[in-house]
Amino acid sequence: MLVLALVLAAVAAIAAVALTTGSPPVSSKDVGFSLASDELASVDFEVTKDRSSTAQCAVQVLSENYAVVGWRVVTIGPNSAEEGANDGGTTAHRTDVRLDSPGVSGGVNACWIVED
């Protein structure tokens, strides 16, 4: 019984820390998608983060049955206040993604901050 109580207390403590960490340090917004050919697509997106941070974003292209047919990790480095919007907090990006088979949509799957 004591072991169960300790396990539950540990889970509650971890949950409390996870819920109080605040908003994510990076976010993305899909802006556009275009196919150059059956083997190559371009994905346009915006990233909002602290100007001094470096982020990475996983960009994917999906087929008509929602299978991932292309995937690429893009690194977005620090930028100046003159770049993009929000004093450099939001920047626009375009990346090409090689495809295994034809795609019909593309966008950012996830972004995260790269620790120095």
Protein backbone atom coordinates (compact mmCIF):
# COMPACT_ATOMS: atom_id res chain seq x y z
CA MET A 1 0.00 0.00 0.00
CA LEU A 2 2.85 2.37 0.85
CA VAL A 3 4.50 1.69 -2.53
CA LEU A 4 1.27 2.52 -4.36
CA ALA A 5 0.94 5.78 -2.43
CA LEU A 6 4.52 6.74 -3.30
CA VAL A 7 3.98 5.95 -6.97
CA LEU A 8 0.78 8.02 -7.06
CA ALA A 9 2.54 10.93 -5.32
CA ALA A 10 5.39 10.79 -7.84
CA VAL A 11 2.95 10.77 -10.78
CA ALA A 12 1.06 13.73 -9.30
CA ALA A 13 4.30 15.67 -8.83
CA ILE A 14 5.38 15.04 -12.42
CA ALA A 15 1.95 16.09 -13.71
CA ALA A 16 2.05 19.30 -11.65
CA VAL A 17 5.45 20.25 -13.08
CA ALA A 18 4.30 19.47 -16.62
CA LEU A 19 1.17 21.58 -16.29
CA THR A 20 2.92 24.60 -14.81
CA THR A 21 5.72 24.94 -17.36
CA GLY A 22 3.73 27.57 -19.30
CA SER A 23 3.18 28.05 -23.00
CA PRO A 24 5.40 26.32 -25.55
CA PRO A 25 8.58 28.24 -26.43
CA VAL A 26 7.97 27.71 -30.17
CA SER A 27 4.91 27.43 -32.40
CA SER A 28 4.28 27.10 -36.12
CA LYS A 29 1.58 27.94 -38.63
CA ASP A 30 1.15 26.26 -42.02
CA VAL A 31 0.88 28.83 -44.81
CA GLY A 32 1.13 27.02 -48.15
CA PHE A 33 1.92 23.87 -50.08
CA SER A 34 2.81 23.28 -53.72
CA LEU A 35 3.95 20.36 -55.84
CA ALA A 36 6.85 20.90 -58.21
CA SER A 37 6.57 17.26 -59.40
CA ASP A 38 5.59 13.82 -58.09
CA GLU A 39 9.01 13.72 -56.39
CA LEU A 40 9.28 17.25 -54.92
CA ALA A 41 7.02 19.54 -52.89
CA SER A 42 7.45 22.96 -51.26
CA VAL A 43 5.99 23.77 -47.86
CA ASP A 44 5.56 27.35 -46.62
CA PHE A 45 5.22 27.98 -42.88
CA GLU A 46 5.76 30.55 -40.14
CA VAL A 47 7.61 29.98 -36.87
CA THR A 48 7.14 32.03 -33.72
CA LYS A 49 9.91 31.81 -31.12
CA ASP A 50 12.30 33.92 -29.11
CA ARG A 51 14.61 35.68 -31.60
CA SER A 52 17.75 34.40 -29.91
CA SER A 53 16.65 30.74 -29.89
CA THR A 54 17.34 28.06 -32.46
CA ALA A 55 14.40 25.83 -33.34
CA GLN A 56 13.95 22.74 -35.46
CA CYS A 57 10.73 21.87 -37.24
CA ALA A 58 9.70 18.53 -38.72
CA VAL A 59 7.98 19.21 -42.04
CA GLN A 60 5.94 16.45 -43.65
CA VAL A 61 4.03 15.79 -46.86
CA LEU A 62 1.02 13.47 -46.85
CA SER A 63 -0.60 11.36 -49.56
CA GLU A 64 -4.35 11.35 -50.20
CA ASN A 65 -4.73 8.46 -47.70
CA TYR A 66 -2.76 10.45 -45.04
CA ALA A 67 0.43 8.39 -45.32
CA VAL A 68 3.69 10.34 -44.85
CA VAL A 69 5.42 10.39 -48.25
CA GLY A 70 8.06 13.01 -47.43
CA TRP A 71 9.74 14.27 -44.27
CA ARG A 72 12.43 16.82 -43.47
CA VAL A 73 13.78 18.51 -40.34
CA VAL A 74 14.49 22.23 -40.83
CA THR A 75 16.71 24.27 -38.50
CA ILE A 76 15.69 27.89 -37.87
CA GLY A 77 18.47 29.84 -36.23
CA PRO A 78 18.49 33.09 -34.28
CA ASN A 79 17.37 36.19 -36.15
CA SER A 80 17.38 39.96 -35.78
CA ALA A 81 14.49 42.23 -34.78
CA GLU A 82 14.28 43.46 -38.39
CA GLU A 83 13.47 40.00 -39.77
CA GLY A 84 9.86 38.87 -40.01
CA ALA A 85 7.05 40.18 -37.81
CA ASN A 86 6.65 40.77 -34.06
CA ASP A 87 10.14 42.33 -33.77
CA GLY A 88 11.66 39.20 -35.27
CA GLY A 89 9.62 36.78 -33.19
CA THR A 90 7.74 35.37 -36.21
CA THR A 91 9.56 34.46 -39.43
CA ALA A 92 8.40 32.92 -42.71
CA HIS A 93 10.10 29.88 -44.22
CA ARG A 94 9.89 27.69 -47.32
CA THR A 95 11.46 24.28 -47.60
CA ASP A 96 11.55 21.66 -50.34
CA VAL A 97 10.69 18.08 -49.39
CA ARG A 98 11.62 15.06 -51.51
CA LEU A 99 8.74 12.62 -51.94
CA ASP A 100 8.57 8.82 -52.11
CA SER A 101 5.22 9.03 -53.94
CA PRO A 102 2.79 11.82 -54.89
CA GLY A 103 1.65 14.08 -52.06
CA VAL A 104 -1.52 16.15 -51.67
CA SER A 105 -0.81 18.26 -48.56
CA GLY A 106 2.08 19.34 -46.44
CA GLY A 107 2.86 21.21 -43.26
CA VAL A 108 4.74 21.30 -40.01
CA ASN A 109 4.29 18.24 -37.81
CA ALA A 110 6.11 19.68 -34.76
CA CYS A 111 8.72 22.27 -33.69
CA TRP A 112 11.03 22.32 -30.71
CA ILE A 113 13.79 24.51 -29.30
CA VAL A 114 17.34 23.21 -29.71
CA GLU A 115 19.29 23.54 -26.47
CA ASP A 116 22.81 24.95 -26.77
